[in-house]
């Protein structure tokens, strides 16, 4: 992703908020400098943490034993934009 429109940023923020509501987190791995700058300037960094690459993002998740799933943000339909996540079942 080389650019990030305000509409795309709004979608990512909504998805990040939805993930937070069910105990998840949206991490951005390896965005280009222009995307990093948009996130920094809009103050959305706390909702959209940025990492240099996938390895760094996975390492951050592993530090507190969280599971992860890779989602590519390529054009077209993706699992990230599918139906809302359900809360994890109670144990």
Protein backbone atom coordinates (compact mmCIF):
# COMPACT_ATOMS: atom_id res chain seq x y z
CA UNK A 1 0.00 0.00 0.00
CA UNK A 2 1.62 3.24 -1.14
CA UNK A 3 -1.13 5.69 -0.18
CA UNK A 4 -3.81 5.84 2.46
CA UNK A 5 -6.91 7.92 1.79
CA UNK A 6 -8.93 9.34 4.65
CA UNK A 7 -11.73 6.90 3.71
CA UNK A 8 -9.36 3.92 3.90
CA UNK A 9 -8.00 5.18 7.21
CA UNK A 10 -11.56 5.41 8.55
CA UNK A 11 -12.19 1.79 7.55
CA UNK A 12 -9.00 0.64 9.28
CA UNK A 13 -9.87 2.60 12.43
CA UNK A 14 -13.37 1.08 12.52
CA UNK A 15 -11.94 -2.42 12.07
CA UNK A 16 -9.32 -1.77 14.75
CA UNK A 17 -12.04 -0.60 17.15
CA UNK A 18 -14.12 -3.69 16.39
CA UNK A 19 -11.12 -5.94 17.01
CA UNK A 20 -10.37 -4.14 20.29
CA UNK A 21 -13.97 -4.73 21.41
CA UNK A 22 -13.44 -8.51 21.18
CA UNK A 23 -9.91 -8.55 22.58
CA UNK A 24 -8.01 -8.32 19.31
CA UNK A 25 -5.70 -5.79 17.74
CA UNK A 26 -4.97 -4.61 14.21
CA UNK A 27 -1.24 -4.22 13.53
CA UNK A 28 0.23 -2.71 10.38
CA UNK A 29 3.41 -4.42 9.23
CA UNK A 30 5.74 -2.68 6.80
CA UNK A 31 3.66 0.26 5.60
CA UNK A 32 5.43 2.74 3.35
CA UNK A 33 6.59 6.09 4.79
CA UNK A 34 3.57 7.95 3.36
CA UNK A 35 1.15 5.64 5.21
CA UNK A 36 3.18 5.94 8.41
CA UNK A 37 3.02 9.73 8.09
CA UNK A 38 -0.78 9.73 7.70
CA UNK A 39 -1.18 7.56 10.79
CA UNK A 40 1.21 9.76 12.76
CA UNK A 41 -0.41 13.04 11.68
CA UNK A 42 -3.96 11.85 12.38
CA UNK A 43 -3.14 10.54 15.84
CA UNK A 44 -4.46 7.07 15.03
CA UNK A 45 -1.22 5.34 16.03
CA UNK A 46 -2.63 3.99 19.32
CA UNK A 47 -5.35 2.15 17.34
CA UNK A 48 -3.10 1.26 14.40
CA UNK A 49 0.33 0.32 15.72
CA UNK A 50 2.94 0.28 12.96
CA UNK A 51 5.83 -2.17 12.75
CA UNK A 52 8.78 -2.29 10.38
CA UNK A 53 7.82 -5.74 9.07
CA UNK A 54 5.81 -8.87 9.82
CA UNK A 55 8.56 -10.31 11.99
CA UNK A 56 8.52 -7.27 14.28
CA UNK A 57 4.71 -7.34 14.52
CA UNK A 58 4.64 -11.06 15.35
CA UNK A 59 7.40 -10.56 17.91
CA UNK A 60 5.31 -7.86 19.63
CA UNK A 61 2.33 -10.22 19.77
CA UNK A 62 4.43 -13.11 21.05
CA UNK A 63 5.73 -11.04 23.95
CA UNK A 64 2.41 -11.50 25.72
CA UNK A 65 1.52 -14.87 24.13
CA UNK A 66 -1.20 -13.54 21.83
CA UNK A 67 -2.29 -15.52 18.80
CA UNK A 68 -2.17 -13.83 15.43
CA UNK A 69 -3.53 -14.16 11.92
CA UNK A 70 -2.04 -12.51 8.86
CA UNK A 71 -4.38 -10.45 6.70
CA UNK A 72 -3.18 -9.01 3.41
CA UNK A 73 -4.72 -5.67 2.49
CA UNK A 74 -4.59 -6.23 -1.25
CA UNK A 75 -7.37 -4.92 -3.47
CA UNK A 76 -10.51 -7.02 -3.48
CA UNK A 77 -12.43 -8.80 -0.77
CA UNK A 78 -10.48 -10.03 2.25
CA UNK A 79 -11.25 -11.68 5.55
CA UNK A 80 -10.57 -8.38 7.33
CA UNK A 81 -13.73 -6.93 5.81
CA UNK A 82 -15.93 -9.98 6.35
CA UNK A 83 -18.69 -10.30 8.93
CA UNK A 84 -18.05 -8.85 12.40
CA UNK A 85 -16.05 -10.98 14.80
CA UNK A 86 -17.89 -12.74 17.56
CA UNK A 87 -16.55 -12.55 21.10
CA UNK A 88 -14.52 -15.60 22.09
CA UNK A 89 -16.56 -18.30 23.83
CA UNK A 90 -16.48 -18.33 27.61
CA UNK A 91 -14.49 -21.09 29.23
